[in-house]
Amino acid sequence: MLRLLRRTFSRRGRRRPKQAPTGRGVAESGIHIPAPDGKRGKSVITARVVLLDGTDVSVDVPKKALGEVLYQQVISYHLDLVETDYFGLQFMDANQVPHWLDKTKKIVKQVKIGPPYTFHFRVKFYSSEPNLLQEELTRYQFFLQLKQDILRGKLPCPFDVSVQLAAYALQSELGDYDPDVHNPYFISEFRFVPDQTEQFELAVIEAYKKCKGQTPADSELNYLNIAKWREMYGVDMHNVKGKDGNEYSLGLTPTGVLVFEGEQKIGLFFWPKIKKLDFKGKRLLLVVTEDDERGVEQEHTFVFRLDHPKACKHLWKCAVEHHAFFRLKSNVQQGQRQQMIRLGSRFRPSVRTEFEITRNRGPRKSVNFERRPSKRYSRRPSFKRPAQQRPVPTEDQPFSRFVPQHGPAAPPMRNQKKPTNRSPPQPKPQNNSNSAQSSHYSRASARQAYGIQV
């Protein structure tokens, strides 16, 4: 008994003291959404959600809440989106592999890193036809996502296409071109592509001039209509290995599954041609039908391997969701468990299909929202500030800022008309270190002391 008490009290004495909160769960923007039931303290968890415009939101949800609660708080209430099924909340696991938050499961059971739990609001399903998007707010979120995809190299574009897209982005944010303001020195603050050059920025200005008269909504729609034709538009990439041991990439798209070897595309499996999609352990099974030369269907089986069973299941779930969203007319609802012993996964997509979203459009009033400015960077030093932006010097005021008339930083007096009878030159006074008035100061010294531009 004494040994038990001694061991118990010694363990209590070794308990770590409670650390003060670090504030990581507080959003930098200062936006905080309390829990729906108003609870506080240990009964709630804090989630930090980073939005597409760069801002973040701190959200409190009950500790045992499902993912649906966080979706409602961020997407439906804070962002006020109606076409919510295109979007999702993404988080990282311990191996830095991205995962989508499942609405039907508890948050604490899915996210192992936290609290605070960090999520990124992103486009999950890229619409195959942006013109079918119902609201301007939805198209604006797609516009922000595609800008990020191009800047990060996820959506590569040729030079001329990148220039046109950048021009539409400037028109959406800055309005019509103004030659007095929108010069190369100013445009160099923006970033559009990974390896941005001076030649690219000058070409963007010329294309920007031709976008005059377009509203932000028109520019964003034109942006989407160009980006949708790119081969890597909306491709969800996953790294796999084939039977031969070589590394491949499977890209999930609205039309099917792309197969890449390095950066070269070697195959495309259309969704109607995929007859079976299954996984077991680290292996992903793909059965595809193709017509031979005689028009007879032939089945081909492809087996891909992944590094971990959870990664294999994640790829299978993403493929099932893409197939259900873009191919089915109505989603298969997840039924109740009616048997004690089950085979396979019970996973069912929990979103509406694109067919349901475009057909079932409900009436809604117009929504007013604010477009936030994009992130700015340091200006390119090779571009000089235009002369017309600088105040023109005059005879009475040779400097563009306040110029002291007395003191060590005062400029030298201007030359006055000298009399005809010149007096003999006077000897220069010797420099005295104790007197600030004894030394001569040039215009360069005044510019260095006060930052004056001449």
Foldseek 3Di string as FASTA:
>chain_A
DVVVVVVVVVVVVPDDDDDDDPCPLQWPVRAEAEEPVRDDDPQWAWEWEQELQGGIYIYIYGQFAFLLRVLCVPPCPVLVDDQSQQKFKWAAAPVRDIFTGDRVHGPCVPHPDDVVHYIYIAGLADDLQVVLDDALSVLVSVLSRVQVCQAVVLFDDDLVLLLLLLLLVCCLFPNADDVLQPDQQNQQQDGRHPDDDSVSSVSSNVSNNVPHPDYNSRSSNVSVVSSSPGPSVRWDWDWWAFPVRAIWIWTQHLQAIWIGRVPDTDDGAGLVQWPDWDDDWQKTKTWGWDQDPVRDIDIDITIIGDDGRVSNVSVSLSNQQSCQQNPDLFFDDQDDDDDPDDDDDSDGDPGTHPNCVSPDDDDDDHDDDDDDDHGTDNGDPVDDDDPVVQDDADPVGRWRDDADCDWLLHADDDDDDDDPDDDDDDDQDDDDPVDSVRDHDHPVSNCVVPVIDD
